[in-house]
Amino acid sequence: MGILDTLGEVVGAVAAVEAAEKLDPNAGLLTKGLAAVAGFKGAGALESLVEKKEEGEAESNNADSQATDSQA
């Protein structure tokens, strides 16, 4: 999943740069660079959050199925 994670982060960086250019068509290199870094880090944080949520749901589903098995 390393390649997919990196691809998601790159897409986040590109989206952030595009958004910065839409807000300020005369944005400088520094502004675009900061937007790219923020998009890269933000996409990585979002992916981590989604992974944690999926793991929590899987654990919850396993606990629920074990509880119903023990009651039967």
Protein backbone atom coordinates (compact mmCIF):
# COMPACT_ATOMS: atom_id res chain seq x y z
CA MET A 1 0.00 0.00 0.00
CA GLY A 2 3.03 2.31 0.10
CA ILE A 3 2.63 3.40 -3.51
CA LEU A 4 -1.08 4.11 -3.08
CA ASP A 5 -0.43 6.11 0.09
CA THR A 6 2.20 8.20 -1.66
CA LEU A 7 -0.06 8.68 -4.67
CA GLY A 8 -2.84 9.95 -2.39
CA GLU A 9 -0.47 12.40 -0.75
CA VAL A 10 0.73 13.68 -4.13
CA VAL A 11 -2.84 14.15 -5.30
CA GLY A 12 -3.55 16.11 -2.11
CA ALA A 13 -0.54 18.34 -2.79
CA VAL A 14 -1.61 18.99 -6.38
CA ALA A 15 -5.17 19.77 -5.30
CA ALA A 16 -3.91 22.22 -2.69
CA VAL A 17 -1.70 24.02 -5.23
CA GLU A 18 -4.61 24.25 -7.67
CA ALA A 19 -6.81 25.67 -4.92
CA ALA A 20 -4.16 28.25 -4.02
CA GLU A 21 -3.92 29.30 -7.68
CA LYS A 22 -7.73 29.66 -7.87
CA LEU A 23 -7.76 31.87 -4.77
CA ASP A 24 -4.78 33.95 -5.87
CA PRO A 25 -3.91 33.76 -9.58
CA ASN A 26 -0.70 35.71 -8.87
CA ALA A 27 0.42 33.35 -6.11
CA GLY A 28 4.16 33.17 -5.72
CA LEU A 29 6.39 30.14 -5.59
CA LEU A 30 6.51 30.24 -1.79
CA THR A 31 2.71 30.23 -1.52
CA LYS A 32 2.43 27.32 -3.94
CA GLY A 33 5.14 25.43 -2.08
CA LEU A 34 3.43 25.91 1.27
CA ALA A 35 0.12 24.80 -0.24
CA ALA A 36 1.79 21.68 -1.63
CA VAL A 37 3.30 20.78 1.73
CA ALA A 38 -0.01 21.39 3.52
CA GLY A 39 -1.89 19.27 0.97
CA PHE A 40 0.67 16.48 1.21
CA LYS A 41 0.55 16.37 5.02
CA GLY A 42 -3.23 16.79 5.10
CA ALA A 43 -3.83 13.90 2.72
CA GLY A 44 -1.51 11.70 4.78
CA ALA A 45 -3.34 12.59 7.98
CA LEU A 46 -6.70 11.93 6.35
CA GLU A 47 -5.57 8.50 5.13
CA SER A 48 -4.35 7.64 8.63
CA LEU A 49 -7.69 8.66 10.10
CA VAL A 50 -9.59 6.51 7.61
CA GLU A 51 -7.34 3.51 8.30
CA LYS A 52 -7.87 3.85 12.06
CA LYS A 53 -11.62 4.09 11.58
CA GLU A 54 -11.68 1.00 9.35
CA GLU A 55 -9.62 -0.94 11.91
CA GLY A 56 -11.95 0.15 14.70
CA GLU A 57 -15.02 -0.92 12.73
CA ALA A 58 -13.44 -4.29 11.93
CA GLU A 59 -12.64 -4.87 15.60
CA SER A 60 -16.16 -3.82 16.56
CA ASN A 61 -17.66 -6.23 14.03
CA ASN A 62 -15.45 -9.06 15.32
CA ALA A 63 -16.49 -8.34 18.92
CA ASP A 64 -20.17 -8.27 17.94
CA SER A 65 -19.94 -11.58 16.08
CA GLN A 66 -18.11 -13.21 18.99
CA ALA A 67 -20.77 -11.96 21.42
CA THR A 68 -23.60 -13.39 19.33
CA ASP A 69 -21.73 -16.68 18.94
CA SER A 70 -21.30 -17.04 22.69
CA GLN A 71 -24.99 -16.28 23.32
CA ALA A 72 -26.19 -18.98 20.91
